[in-house]
Amino acid sequence: MGKVTIARDVCKGCGLCVNACPKKILELDKKHFNAKGYSPAVCIRPEECIGCAACGRMCPDCAIVVER
């Protein structure tokens, strides 16, 4: 239903999107870091996205785009 795209180089790993997701399909990627040294958010189960865009609204850096 929805598609989450996260700009990994823009994400600062604050976790606000992780907490906002009602389906709990986002998490911080502790194995990889972006160019700024942050652990960016990643969608671990994209097929479960409902396209609510709660994650995108919570992102202070506008690093998340949700498509329906």
N, C-alpha and C. Protein backbone atom coordinates (compact mmCIF):
# COMPACT_ATOMS: atom_id res chain seq x y z
N MET A 1 0.81 -1.20 0.00
CA MET A 1 0.00 0.00 0.00
C MET A 1 0.85 1.25 0.00
N GLY A 2 1.93 1.25 0.75
CA GLY A 2 2.79 2.42 0.81
C GLY A 2 4.22 2.06 0.48
N LYS A 3 5.00 3.09 0.19
CA LYS A 3 6.42 2.89 -0.09
C LYS A 3 7.20 3.98 0.64
N VAL A 4 8.11 3.56 1.50
CA VAL A 4 8.92 4.48 2.29
C VAL A 4 10.29 4.59 1.64
N THR A 5 10.72 5.83 1.40
CA THR A 5 12.07 6.08 0.88
C THR A 5 12.77 6.98 1.89
N ILE A 6 13.92 6.52 2.36
CA ILE A 6 14.68 7.27 3.36
C ILE A 6 16.00 7.72 2.74
N ALA A 7 16.25 9.02 2.77
CA ALA A 7 17.52 9.57 2.28
C ALA A 7 18.56 9.31 3.35
N ARG A 8 19.30 8.22 3.20
CA ARG A 8 20.24 7.77 4.24
C ARG A 8 21.33 8.79 4.53
N ASP A 9 21.73 9.57 3.56
CA ASP A 9 22.78 10.58 3.79
C ASP A 9 22.26 11.80 4.55
N VAL A 10 20.95 11.99 4.56
CA VAL A 10 20.34 13.13 5.26
C VAL A 10 19.93 12.74 6.68
N CYS A 11 19.57 11.49 6.88
CA CYS A 11 19.09 11.00 8.17
C CYS A 11 20.17 11.11 9.23
N LYS A 12 19.78 11.65 10.41
CA LYS A 12 20.73 11.77 11.51
C LYS A 12 20.49 10.74 12.61
N GLY A 13 19.61 9.78 12.35
CA GLY A 13 19.40 8.69 13.28
C GLY A 13 18.74 9.08 14.59
N CYS A 14 17.85 10.05 14.57
CA CYS A 14 17.22 10.51 15.81
C CYS A 14 16.20 9.51 16.35
N GLY A 15 15.63 8.69 15.47
CA GLY A 15 14.67 7.68 15.90
C GLY A 15 13.23 8.13 16.03
N LEU A 16 12.94 9.38 15.71
CA LEU A 16 11.56 9.86 15.81
C LEU A 16 10.63 9.09 14.88
N CYS A 17 11.11 8.75 13.71
CA CYS A 17 10.29 7.99 12.75
C CYS A 17 10.02 6.57 13.27
N VAL A 18 11.02 5.99 13.91
CA VAL A 18 10.87 4.64 14.47
C VAL A 18 9.76 4.63 15.51
N ASN A 19 9.73 5.62 16.35
CA ASN A 19 8.70 5.72 17.39
C ASN A 19 7.33 6.07 16.82
N ALA A 20 7.29 6.79 15.70
CA ALA A 20 6.02 7.24 15.12
C ALA A 20 5.32 6.16 14.30
N CYS A 21 6.05 5.19 13.82
CA CYS A 21 5.47 4.18 12.92
C CYS A 21 4.51 3.26 13.67
N PRO A 22 3.23 3.23 13.26
CA PRO A 22 2.26 2.38 13.95
C PRO A 22 2.48 0.89 13.66
N LYS A 23 3.12 0.55 12.57
CA LYS A 23 3.37 -0.85 12.21
C LYS A 23 4.73 -1.35 12.71
N LYS A 24 5.55 -0.44 13.26
CA LYS A 24 6.88 -0.79 13.79
C LYS A 24 7.76 -1.48 12.74
N ILE A 25 7.78 -0.89 11.54
CA ILE A 25 8.58 -1.48 10.45
C ILE A 25 9.87 -0.71 10.20
N LEU A 26 10.13 0.31 11.00
CA LEU A 26 11.36 1.09 10.85
C LEU A 26 12.28 0.82 12.04
N GLU A 27 13.57 0.85 11.78
CA GLU A 27 14.54 0.75 12.87
C GLU A 27 15.82 1.47 12.43
N LEU A 28 16.67 1.76 13.39
CA LEU A 28 17.95 2.38 13.08
C LEU A 28 18.94 1.29 12.69
N ASP A 29 19.67 1.54 11.62
CA ASP A 29 20.63 0.57 11.08
C ASP A 29 21.93 0.68 11.86
N LYS A 30 22.13 -0.19 12.82
CA LYS A 30 23.31 -0.14 13.69
C LYS A 30 24.56 -0.73 13.03
N LYS A 31 24.40 -1.35 11.86
CA LYS A 31 25.55 -1.97 11.17
C LYS A 31 26.19 -1.04 10.15
N HIS A 32 25.45 -0.03 9.71
CA HIS A 32 25.96 0.87 8.67
C HIS A 32 25.83 2.32 9.14
N PHE A 33 26.71 3.13 8.64
CA PHE A 33 26.71 4.55 8.98
C PHE A 33 26.70 5.37 7.69
N ASN A 34 26.12 6.57 7.76
CA ASN A 34 26.14 7.44 6.59
C ASN A 34 27.42 8.29 6.61
N ALA A 35 27.56 9.19 5.67
CA ALA A 35 28.77 10.00 5.55
C ALA A 35 29.01 10.90 6.76
N LYS A 36 27.94 11.22 7.49
CA LYS A 36 28.07 12.07 8.67
C LYS A 36 28.35 11.26 9.94
N GLY A 37 28.37 9.93 9.83
CA GLY A 37 28.65 9.07 10.96
C GLY A 37 27.44 8.64 11.75
N TYR A 38 26.23 8.89 11.23
CA TYR A 38 25.00 8.52 11.92
C TYR A 38 24.51 7.15 11.45
N SER A 39 23.75 6.48 12.31
CA SER A 39 23.08 5.23 11.95
C SER A 39 21.71 5.62 11.39
N PRO A 40 21.52 5.56 10.09
CA PRO A 40 20.26 6.01 9.50
C PRO A 40 19.11 5.01 9.72
N ALA A 41 17.91 5.49 9.59
CA ALA A 41 16.73 4.65 9.69
C ALA A 41 16.62 3.79 8.44
N VAL A 42 16.01 2.64 8.59
CA VAL A 42 15.80 1.72 7.48
C VAL A 42 14.45 1.03 7.67
N CYS A 43 13.77 0.77 6.57
CA CYS A 43 12.49 0.06 6.62
C CYS A 43 12.80 -1.43 6.53
N ILE A 44 12.49 -2.17 7.59
CA ILE A 44 12.86 -3.59 7.64
C ILE A 44 11.79 -4.51 7.04
N ARG A 45 10.56 -4.03 6.94
CA ARG A 45 9.49 -4.82 6.33
C ARG A 45 8.65 -3.92 5.43
N PRO A 46 9.19 -3.52 4.28
CA PRO A 46 8.48 -2.55 3.42
C PRO A 46 7.11 -3.03 2.94
N GLU A 47 6.92 -4.34 2.86
CA GLU A 47 5.63 -4.87 2.39
C GLU A 47 4.51 -4.61 3.39
N GLU A 48 4.83 -4.25 4.62
CA GLU A 48 3.82 -3.99 5.65
C GLU A 48 3.47 -2.51 5.79
N CYS A 49 4.10 -1.65 5.00
CA CYS A 49 3.83 -0.21 5.07
C CYS A 49 2.40 0.08 4.65
N ILE A 50 1.69 0.87 5.46
CA ILE A 50 0.31 1.23 5.15
C ILE A 50 0.20 2.61 4.51
N GLY A 51 1.32 3.30 4.35
CA GLY A 51 1.34 4.60 3.69
C GLY A 51 0.76 5.73 4.53
N CYS A 52 0.81 5.62 5.84
CA CYS A 52 0.21 6.65 6.71
C CYS A 52 1.05 7.93 6.76
N ALA A 53 2.33 7.83 6.46
CA ALA A 53 3.28 8.96 6.42
C ALA A 53 3.55 9.57 7.79
N ALA A 54 3.26 8.84 8.87
CA ALA A 54 3.58 9.34 10.21
C ALA A 54 5.08 9.54 10.35
N CYS A 55 5.86 8.65 9.77
CA CYS A 55 7.32 8.75 9.85
C CYS A 55 7.82 10.02 9.15
N GLY A 56 7.27 10.30 7.99
CA GLY A 56 7.68 11.48 7.24
C GLY A 56 7.31 12.78 7.93
N ARG A 57 6.17 12.80 8.58
CA ARG A 57 5.75 14.00 9.30
C ARG A 57 6.62 14.25 10.54
N MET A 58 7.12 13.19 11.14
CA MET A 58 7.94 13.33 12.34
C MET A 58 9.39 13.68 12.04
N CYS A 59 9.85 13.42 10.84
CA CYS A 59 11.26 13.61 10.51
C CYS A 59 11.63 15.10 10.47
N PRO A 60 12.52 15.54 11.38
CA PRO A 60 12.89 16.96 11.41
C PRO A 60 13.79 17.37 10.25
N ASP A 61 14.35 16.41 9.55
CA ASP A 61 15.25 16.71 8.43
C ASP A 61 14.63 16.45 7.07
N CYS A 62 13.36 16.09 7.04
CA CYS A 62 12.64 15.80 5.79
C CYS A 62 13.39 14.75 4.97
N ALA A 63 13.90 13.73 5.65
CA ALA A 63 14.66 12.68 4.99
C ALA A 63 13.79 11.52 4.53
N ILE A 64 12.49 11.58 4.80
CA ILE A 64 11.58 10.47 4.48
C ILE A 64 10.48 10.93 3.55
N VAL A 65 10.27 10.14 2.49
CA VAL A 65 9.18 10.36 1.56
C VAL A 65 8.34 9.09 1.56
N VAL A 66 7.03 9.26 1.70
CA VAL A 66 6.10 8.13 1.67
C VAL A 66 5.18 8.29 0.48
N GLU A 67 5.12 7.23 -0.33
CA GLU A 67 4.24 7.24 -1.50
C GLU A 67 3.13 6.23 -1.30
N ARG A 68 1.98 6.54 -1.84
CA ARG A 68 0.84 5.60 -1.80
C ARG A 68 0.57 5.09 -3.18
